[in-house]
Amino acid sequence: MIKGLKYFKNAEIVFGWGAIQHVQNLGCRRAAILTDKRSMGRLGFVERLVSLLGESGADSDVIISIEREPTTEDIDAGAAELSKFNPDWIIALGGGAVIDSAKAMWVLYEHPTLTKEQLFVPFAVPRLRRKARLTAIPSTSGTGSETSCAAVFVEPKDRTKRLILSFEIIPDVAILDPEIPTTMPPQVTASSGMDALSHALESYVYALSNDFSEAVAVQATRLILENLEKAYRDGKDKIAREKMHYAATLAGIAINNSGTGLAHAMDHIGPRFGIPHGVACAILLPYVMEFNLGSEVARRKYADLAKILGLNGGEEKELALSLIEAVRELEATLQLPQSIKEAGVAEEDFFASLDLMVQHSHQNVSARLSPRPPTPLEVRELYLRAYHGQQLKS
């Protein structure tokens, strides 16, 4: 890449009902399938994928089943399995945990001497694709991992997040088949949908946002606000499911070419207290948006977006607040907790972890490049407001 220029990066995207059939066009010789065998296998999608690959002449096998939130300890074992199978394509069928795991295992499959510390240095992953390429088939409509340059893991020792960042790990192909997420239960639909909304809204006001990222962020936000409640109430609503699946990928493209913000920097409540990532983002997002009103740029952008969405309001701040209220109303409709305390975190446990969470959050690049970079004290105050459910008084 040439210094000073910006690049719009994302995967090749194949979308539509029945898009999973595109695996037959990949030209696989030997395909390693990484999936959640417990759910994708039970629902018949793994069998279908293996059948499609077999019809195209590819040798394939489900070599790894990922059935939990990935940890740093899982990466080496998965890479070793890939080395035994020696695939030329890796196919990740599942949610963000599956796709993120596939990315990390792919890196170590291609570069087995790479240490964990080297793996987590931002944008330092060596060139890939000498051994294999990666296809991502998301089963949820939320993480956007199918087009992103990030992979998130949990460090088992202290339950902190570790992040791989590299344009090298963007999947070569993202296959969006809306039939697959129709199997999501309502609570997963809600959680993953709010993850996507947080991506769209945070990337929109991030310091590195640009005309291209903002365009997809706006469309993602519109689609989510129009369709998430419908998909939550009726999982068989084909139009709502399709729009939500595409919105999640659009939001993933937005963060890939801009970034996430302070809500994601503060998402240590997720791994530390066992709160699903999307739920954690949903809790934190309105409080962070209120904090961002102190930024002239964010306030103007929120107001502009509120106008685009047809929300009520007169002055700039009133319009911006109407957007925040729309987010809160959606969360209430989805029956998501509105505070950390409501999510079931005991006060004693919260305060025992608060100092460490503040430290990690403040050091996160997503906090530093937020529209209103916070001080450690401000991060602490935000955590306290989010714990007790204290909304900003307009």
Protein backbone atom coordinates (compact mmCIF):
# COMPACT_ATOMS: atom_id res chain seq x y z
CA MET A 1 0.00 0.00 0.00
CA ILE A 2 1.12 3.56 -0.72
CA LYS A 3 1.45 5.77 2.34
CA GLY A 4 -1.10 8.56 2.49
CA LEU A 5 -3.73 6.80 0.39
CA LYS A 6 -6.86 5.12 1.73
CA TYR A 7 -8.09 1.73 0.58
CA PHE A 8 -11.66 0.38 0.70
CA LYS A 9 -11.16 -3.24 1.72
CA ASN A 10 -13.67 -6.07 1.87
CA ALA A 11 -14.26 -9.62 0.71
CA GLU A 12 -15.86 -10.70 -2.54
CA ILE A 13 -19.52 -10.98 -1.55
CA VAL A 14 -21.97 -13.54 -2.95
CA PHE A 15 -25.51 -13.06 -1.65
CA GLY A 16 -29.04 -14.35 -2.08
CA TRP A 17 -31.23 -17.30 -1.16
CA GLY A 18 -29.32 -20.47 -1.94
CA ALA A 19 -25.98 -18.62 -2.13
CA ILE A 20 -24.29 -21.50 -0.27
CA GLN A 21 -24.19 -23.26 -3.66
CA HIS A 22 -21.39 -20.87 -4.64
CA VAL A 23 -18.90 -23.13 -2.84
CA GLN A 24 -19.01 -25.24 -6.00
CA ASN A 25 -17.41 -22.33 -7.88
CA LEU A 26 -14.43 -21.92 -5.55
CA GLY A 27 -12.29 -24.48 -7.33
CA CYS A 28 -11.50 -26.35 -4.12
CA ARG A 29 -9.20 -29.33 -4.23
CA ARG A 30 -9.25 -29.99 -0.50
CA ALA A 31 -11.60 -28.01 1.77
CA ALA A 32 -11.35 -27.89 5.56
CA ILE A 33 -14.66 -27.02 7.17
CA LEU A 34 -14.68 -25.17 10.49
CA THR A 35 -18.13 -24.96 12.02
CA ASP A 36 -20.30 -25.32 15.08
CA LYS A 37 -21.20 -28.95 14.51
CA ARG A 38 -23.71 -28.88 17.35
CA SER A 39 -25.99 -26.33 15.66
CA MET A 40 -25.01 -26.23 11.98
CA GLY A 41 -24.78 -30.03 11.91
CA ARG A 42 -28.12 -30.52 13.63
CA LEU A 43 -29.82 -28.13 11.20
CA GLY A 44 -28.41 -29.94 8.16
CA PHE A 45 -26.22 -27.15 6.79
CA VAL A 46 -22.94 -29.03 7.31
CA GLU A 47 -24.23 -32.07 5.45
CA ARG A 48 -25.42 -29.81 2.65
CA LEU A 49 -22.06 -28.05 2.44
CA VAL A 50 -20.14 -31.34 2.31
CA SER A 51 -22.52 -32.61 -0.39
CA LEU A 52 -22.09 -29.49 -2.53
CA LEU A 53 -18.31 -29.70 -2.27
CA GLY A 54 -18.37 -33.39 -3.14
CA GLU A 55 -20.46 -32.71 -6.24
CA SER A 56 -17.80 -30.24 -7.39
CA GLY A 57 -15.06 -32.85 -6.96
CA ALA A 58 -13.54 -31.47 -3.78
CA ASP A 59 -12.31 -33.60 -0.89
CA SER A 60 -13.72 -32.06 2.28
CA ASP A 61 -13.99 -32.79 5.97
CA VAL A 62 -15.27 -31.13 9.12
CA ILE A 63 -11.94 -31.01 10.88
CA ILE A 64 -12.79 -28.60 13.68
CA SER A 65 -16.05 -28.00 15.55
CA ILE A 66 -16.07 -24.70 17.44
CA GLU A 67 -18.83 -24.74 20.04
CA ARG A 68 -17.81 -21.97 22.43
CA GLU A 69 -16.32 -18.52 22.59
CA PRO A 70 -12.79 -18.88 21.16
CA THR A 71 -9.80 -18.49 23.46
CA THR A 72 -6.15 -17.99 22.63
CA GLU A 73 -5.53 -21.59 23.70
CA ASP A 74 -7.78 -22.93 20.94
CA ILE A 75 -5.76 -21.41 18.11
CA ASP A 76 -2.72 -23.72 18.16
CA ALA A 77 -4.79 -26.90 18.30
CA GLY A 78 -6.89 -25.81 15.34
CA ALA A 79 -3.86 -24.84 13.27
CA ALA A 80 -2.33 -28.26 13.94
CA GLU A 81 -5.50 -29.93 12.62
CA LEU A 82 -5.33 -27.79 9.49
CA SER A 83 -1.72 -28.82 8.93
CA LYS A 84 -2.68 -32.50 9.11
CA PHE A 85 -5.45 -32.05 6.54
CA ASN A 86 -3.47 -29.67 4.28
CA PRO A 87 -6.40 -27.80 2.67
CA ASP A 88 -6.25 -25.30 -0.16
CA TRP A 89 -9.52 -23.74 1.04
CA ILE A 90 -10.77 -23.16 4.58
CA ILE A 91 -14.53 -22.77 4.86
CA ALA A 92 -15.93 -21.23 8.05
CA LEU A 93 -19.64 -21.94 8.50
CA GLY A 94 -21.06 -20.38 11.64
CA GLY A 95 -21.19 -17.24 13.75
CA GLY A 96 -18.48 -14.74 14.57
CA ALA A 97 -16.71 -17.14 16.95
CA VAL A 98 -16.31 -19.71 14.18
CA ILE A 99 -15.15 -17.20 11.57
CA ASP A 100 -12.72 -15.47 13.95
CA SER A 101 -11.28 -18.85 14.95
CA ALA A 102 -10.83 -19.78 11.30
CA LYS A 103 -8.92 -16.55 10.65
CA ALA A 104 -6.43 -17.16 13.46
CA MET A 105 -5.96 -20.84 12.65
CA TRP A 106 -5.43 -19.92 9.01
CA VAL A 107 -2.61 -17.54 9.97
CA LEU A 108 -0.81 -20.20 12.02
CA TYR A 109 -1.45 -22.86 9.37
CA GLU A 110 0.43 -20.67 6.88
CA HIS A 111 3.01 -19.43 9.41
CA PRO A 112 3.45 -22.14 12.09
CA THR A 113 6.49 -20.45 13.68
CA LEU A 114 4.57 -17.27 14.46
CA THR A 115 4.29 -16.66 18.21
CA LYS A 116 1.11 -15.56 19.96
CA GLU A 117 2.61 -12.17 20.73
CA GLN A 118 3.48 -11.67 17.06
CA LEU A 119 -0.04 -12.73 16.10
CA PHE A 120 -1.58 -9.95 18.17
CA VAL A 121 0.64 -7.11 16.90
CA PRO A 122 -1.71 -4.87 14.86
CA PHE A 123 -1.29 -5.17 11.09
CA ALA A 124 1.84 -7.34 11.37
CA VAL A 125 0.46 -10.65 10.06
CA PRO A 126 2.72 -11.92 7.23
CA ARG A 127 1.29 -12.43 3.76
CA LEU A 128 -1.24 -15.26 3.54
CA ARG A 129 -2.73 -17.36 0.71
CA ARG A 130 0.40 -19.35 -0.10
CA LYS A 131 -1.30 -22.49 1.22
CA ALA A 132 -5.01 -21.71 1.39
CA ARG A 133 -7.81 -19.20 0.98
CA LEU A 134 -10.73 -18.50 3.28
CA THR A 135 -14.48 -18.49 2.66
CA ALA A 136 -16.84 -17.28 5.39
CA ILE A 137 -20.50 -18.31 5.51
CA PRO A 138 -22.09 -16.48 8.47
CA SER A 139 -24.95 -18.15 10.32
CA THR A 140 -25.82 -15.08 12.38
CA SER A 141 -26.59 -11.52 11.32
CA GLY A 142 -24.35 -9.46 13.55
CA THR A 143 -20.58 -9.70 13.79
CA GLY A 144 -19.67 -8.78 10.21
CA SER A 145 -16.60 -10.99 10.63
CA GLU A 146 -17.18 -12.36 7.13
CA THR A 147 -15.77 -9.12 5.68
CA SER A 148 -13.69 -7.72 8.53
CA CYS A 149 -9.96 -7.46 9.18
CA ALA A 150 -10.39 -8.37 12.85
CA ALA A 151 -10.64 -11.51 14.96
CA VAL A 152 -11.48 -11.37 18.67
CA PHE A 153 -10.39 -13.85 21.34
CA VAL A 154 -10.48 -14.15 25.09
CA GLU A 155 -7.36 -14.59 27.22
CA PRO A 156 -8.38 -17.38 29.65
CA LYS A 157 -6.11 -16.19 32.47
CA ASP A 158 -7.77 -12.82 33.07
CA ARG A 159 -10.82 -12.93 30.73
CA THR A 160 -9.58 -9.94 28.72
CA LYS A 161 -10.05 -9.51 24.99
CA ARG A 162 -7.22 -10.06 22.52
CA LEU A 163 -7.49 -8.79 18.98
CA ILE A 164 -5.89 -9.80 15.70
CA LEU A 165 -5.93 -6.90 13.24
CA SER A 166 -4.74 -7.35 9.66
CA PHE A 167 -6.11 -6.81 6.18
CA GLU A 168 -4.55 -10.18 5.37
CA ILE A 169 -7.26 -12.01 7.36
CA ILE A 170 -10.20 -10.55 5.44
CA PRO A 171 -11.90 -13.62 3.94
CA ASP A 172 -11.52 -14.03 0.20
CA VAL A 173 -15.21 -14.79 -0.23
CA ALA A 174 -18.22 -14.04 1.97
CA ILE A 175 -21.31 -16.10 1.17
CA LEU A 176 -24.52 -14.56 2.50
CA ASP A 177 -27.36 -17.06 2.37
CA PRO A 178 -30.39 -15.68 4.27
CA GLU A 179 -31.78 -19.18 4.72
CA ILE A 180 -29.13 -19.95 7.34
CA PRO A 181 -29.95 -17.21 9.91
CA THR A 182 -33.68 -18.04 9.78
CA THR A 183 -32.78 -20.71 12.33
CA MET A 184 -31.61 -18.16 14.94
CA PRO A 185 -33.74 -18.03 18.11
CA PRO A 186 -35.16 -14.61 19.08
CA GLN A 187 -32.56 -13.83 21.76
CA VAL A 188 -29.69 -14.50 19.34
CA THR A 189 -31.44 -12.43 16.66
CA ALA A 190 -31.67 -9.54 19.13
CA SER A 191 -28.10 -9.80 20.40
CA SER A 192 -26.47 -10.19 17.00
CA GLY A 193 -28.64 -7.46 15.49
CA MET A 194 -27.57 -4.98 18.17
CA ASP A 195 -23.95 -5.93 17.55
CA ALA A 196 -24.46 -4.94 13.91
CA LEU A 197 -26.18 -1.69 14.90
CA SER A 198 -23.30 -0.79 17.21
CA HIS A 199 -20.88 -1.38 14.33
CA ALA A 200 -22.86 0.90 12.04
CA LEU A 201 -23.32 3.74 14.54
CA GLU A 202 -19.79 3.63 15.96
CA SER A 203 -18.08 3.48 12.59
CA TYR A 204 -20.21 6.42 11.41
CA VAL A 205 -18.67 8.83 13.94
CA TYR A 206 -15.21 7.22 14.28
CA ALA A 207 -12.18 9.44 13.64
CA LEU A 208 -11.20 7.41 10.56
CA SER A 209 -14.66 7.44 8.96
CA ASN A 210 -14.86 8.52 5.34
CA ASP A 211 -17.41 8.98 2.56
CA PHE A 212 -17.32 5.29 1.65
CA SER A 213 -17.62 3.87 5.17
CA GLU A 214 -20.32 6.39 6.11
CA ALA A 215 -22.44 5.45 3.09
CA VAL A 216 -22.64 1.77 4.09
CA ALA A 217 -23.01 2.66 7.79
CA VAL A 218 -26.07 4.79 7.06
CA GLN A 219 -27.70 2.07 4.96
CA ALA A 220 -26.90 -0.58 7.57
CA THR A 221 -28.48 1.56 10.31
CA ARG A 222 -31.61 2.14 8.24
CA LEU A 223 -32.02 -1.55 7.43
CA ILE A 224 -31.53 -2.60 11.06
CA LEU A 225 -33.97 -0.08 12.52
CA GLU A 226 -36.55 -1.13 9.92
CA ASN A 227 -36.09 -4.90 10.13
CA LEU A 228 -34.57 -6.10 13.42
CA GLU A 229 -37.81 -6.01 15.40
CA LYS A 230 -39.61 -7.84 12.57
CA ALA A 231 -36.96 -10.58 12.45
CA TYR A 232 -37.06 -10.85 16.25
CA ARG A 233 -40.84 -11.25 16.36
CA ASP A 234 -41.07 -13.59 13.37
CA GLY A 235 -37.94 -15.55 12.53
CA LYS A 236 -39.56 -16.83 9.35
CA ASP A 237 -40.09 -13.33 7.93
CA LYS A 238 -37.95 -13.83 4.83
CA ILE A 239 -37.68 -10.16 3.89
CA ALA A 240 -36.65 -9.07 7.39
CA ARG A 241 -34.14 -11.92 7.69
CA GLU A 242 -32.61 -11.12 4.32
CA LYS A 243 -32.33 -7.39 5.04
CA MET A 244 -30.80 -8.03 8.47
CA HIS A 245 -28.26 -10.47 7.04
CA TYR A 246 -27.12 -7.92 4.48
CA ALA A 247 -27.19 -5.08 7.03
CA ALA A 248 -24.80 -6.98 9.30
CA THR A 249 -22.33 -7.37 6.44
CA LEU A 250 -22.70 -3.70 5.46
CA ALA A 251 -21.95 -2.74 9.06
CA GLY A 252 -18.94 -5.07 8.97
CA ILE A 253 -17.71 -3.33 5.83
CA ALA A 254 -18.18 0.01 7.60
CA ILE A 255 -16.00 -0.91 10.59
CA ASN A 256 -13.48 -2.54 8.27
CA ASN A 257 -12.95 0.80 6.55
CA SER A 258 -13.41 3.03 9.59
CA GLY A 259 -13.43 1.40 13.03
CA THR A 260 -15.45 0.68 16.14
CA GLY A 261 -15.72 3.12 19.00
CA LEU A 262 -15.84 3.50 22.75
CA ALA A 263 -18.66 0.99 23.30
CA HIS A 264 -16.46 -1.72 21.81
CA ALA A 265 -13.44 -0.49 23.76
CA MET A 266 -15.48 -0.88 26.94
CA ASP A 267 -16.81 -4.34 26.11
CA HIS A 268 -14.75 -5.99 28.84
CA ILE A 269 -18.05 -6.57 30.60
CA GLY A 270 -18.67 -9.30 28.02
CA PRO A 271 -15.84 -11.79 28.65
CA ARG A 272 -15.48 -10.80 32.31
CA PHE A 273 -19.11 -11.34 33.30
CA GLY A 274 -20.28 -13.77 30.65
CA ILE A 275 -22.49 -11.26 28.84
CA PRO A 276 -22.89 -12.03 25.11
CA HIS A 277 -20.97 -9.52 23.00
CA GLY A 278 -24.05 -8.15 21.25
CA VAL A 279 -25.86 -7.66 24.56
CA ALA A 280 -22.81 -5.90 26.03
CA CYS A 281 -22.70 -3.56 23.02
CA ALA A 282 -26.44 -2.92 23.34
CA ILE A 283 -26.05 -1.95 26.99
CA LEU A 284 -23.10 0.37 26.42
CA LEU A 285 -24.06 1.97 23.10
CA PRO A 286 -26.66 4.55 24.28
CA TYR A 287 -24.44 5.74 27.14
CA VAL A 288 -21.49 6.14 24.78
CA MET A 289 -23.67 7.99 22.26
CA GLU A 290 -24.77 10.37 25.02
CA PHE A 291 -21.12 10.92 25.95
CA ASN A 292 -20.30 11.59 22.28
CA LEU A 293 -22.77 14.49 22.24
CA GLY A 294 -19.88 16.46 23.72
CA SER A 295 -18.22 16.18 20.30
CA GLU A 296 -19.44 18.73 17.76
CA VAL A 297 -18.71 16.30 14.92
CA ALA A 298 -20.58 13.38 16.49
CA ARG A 299 -23.52 15.57 17.49
CA ARG A 300 -23.86 16.88 13.91
CA LYS A 301 -23.55 13.40 12.41
CA TYR A 302 -26.14 11.93 14.78
CA ALA A 303 -28.50 14.78 13.86
CA ASP A 304 -27.90 14.25 10.14
CA LEU A 305 -28.59 10.53 10.52
CA ALA A 306 -31.77 11.23 12.49
CA LYS A 307 -33.00 13.39 9.60
CA ILE A 308 -32.19 10.66 7.06
CA LEU A 309 -34.13 8.16 9.17
CA GLY A 310 -37.10 10.50 9.49
CA LEU A 311 -36.90 10.87 13.26
CA ASN A 312 -38.57 13.79 15.01
CA GLY A 313 -36.57 16.72 16.32
CA GLY A 314 -35.83 20.37 15.73
CA GLU A 315 -32.44 21.59 16.86
CA GLU A 316 -29.25 19.59 16.33
CA LYS A 317 -29.04 18.21 19.87
CA GLU A 318 -32.74 17.34 19.89
CA LEU A 319 -32.32 15.36 16.66
CA ALA A 320 -29.24 13.60 18.03
CA LEU A 321 -31.12 12.67 21.20
CA SER A 322 -33.99 11.29 19.09
CA LEU A 323 -31.52 8.86 17.50
CA ILE A 324 -30.31 7.72 20.93
CA GLU A 325 -33.91 7.31 22.06
CA ALA A 326 -34.65 5.19 18.96
CA VAL A 327 -31.79 2.89 19.96
CA ARG A 328 -33.11 2.59 23.53
CA GLU A 329 -36.66 1.93 22.34
CA LEU A 330 -35.42 -0.84 20.05
CA GLU A 331 -33.47 -2.44 22.90
CA ALA A 332 -36.56 -2.35 25.12
CA THR A 333 -38.65 -3.96 22.37
CA LEU A 334 -36.03 -6.70 22.04
CA GLN A 335 -36.21 -7.25 25.83
CA LEU A 336 -32.51 -6.57 26.27
CA PRO A 337 -31.08 -5.31 29.57
CA GLN A 338 -30.69 -1.53 29.75
CA SER A 339 -27.87 -1.61 32.30
CA ILE A 340 -24.99 -3.80 33.42
CA LYS A 341 -26.78 -4.40 36.72
CA GLU A 342 -29.93 -5.50 34.87
CA ALA A 343 -27.76 -8.01 32.98
CA GLY A 344 -27.23 -9.80 36.29
CA VAL A 345 -23.80 -8.50 37.33
CA ALA A 346 -23.49 -8.23 41.11
CA GLU A 347 -22.26 -4.90 42.46
CA GLU A 348 -19.38 -6.57 44.31
CA ASP A 349 -18.15 -8.30 41.15
CA PHE A 350 -18.51 -5.15 39.07
CA PHE A 351 -16.48 -2.96 41.40
CA ALA A 352 -13.83 -5.67 41.84
CA SER A 353 -13.19 -5.51 38.08
CA LEU A 354 -13.80 -1.81 37.47
CA ASP A 355 -10.22 -0.50 37.71
CA LEU A 356 -8.84 -3.11 35.31
CA MET A 357 -11.69 -2.57 32.84
CA VAL A 358 -11.10 1.18 32.91
CA GLN A 359 -7.40 0.68 32.27
CA HIS A 360 -7.89 -1.67 29.32
CA SER A 361 -10.69 0.42 27.83
CA HIS A 362 -8.76 3.68 27.99
CA GLN A 363 -5.72 2.09 26.33
CA ASN A 364 -7.80 0.71 23.46
CA VAL A 365 -7.29 2.39 20.08
CA SER A 366 -11.07 2.46 19.60
CA ALA A 367 -11.30 4.78 22.60
CA ARG A 368 -8.45 7.00 21.43
CA LEU A 369 -10.00 7.42 17.98
CA SER A 370 -13.55 7.94 19.20
CA PRO A 371 -15.08 11.31 18.31
CA ARG A 372 -14.62 12.31 21.96
CA PRO A 373 -11.54 10.51 23.35
CA PRO A 374 -12.22 9.94 27.07
CA THR A 375 -9.97 10.36 30.06
CA PRO A 376 -9.68 7.40 32.46
CA LEU A 377 -12.03 9.22 34.85
CA GLU A 378 -14.61 9.65 32.08
CA VAL A 379 -14.39 5.95 31.20
CA ARG A 380 -14.97 5.14 34.86
CA GLU A 381 -17.98 7.46 35.02
CA LEU A 382 -19.41 5.87 31.88
CA TYR A 383 -19.08 2.40 33.38
CA LEU A 384 -20.84 3.60 36.53
CA ARG A 385 -23.69 5.17 34.55
CA ALA A 386 -24.03 2.03 32.44
CA TYR A 387 -24.03 -0.15 35.55
CA HIS A 388 -26.74 1.81 37.34
CA GLY A 389 -28.74 2.70 34.20
CA GLN A 390 -28.32 6.46 34.63
CA GLN A 391 -29.37 8.18 31.41
CA LEU A 392 -28.17 11.63 30.44
CA LYS A 393 -30.62 14.37 31.40
CA SER A 394 -31.38 16.45 28.32
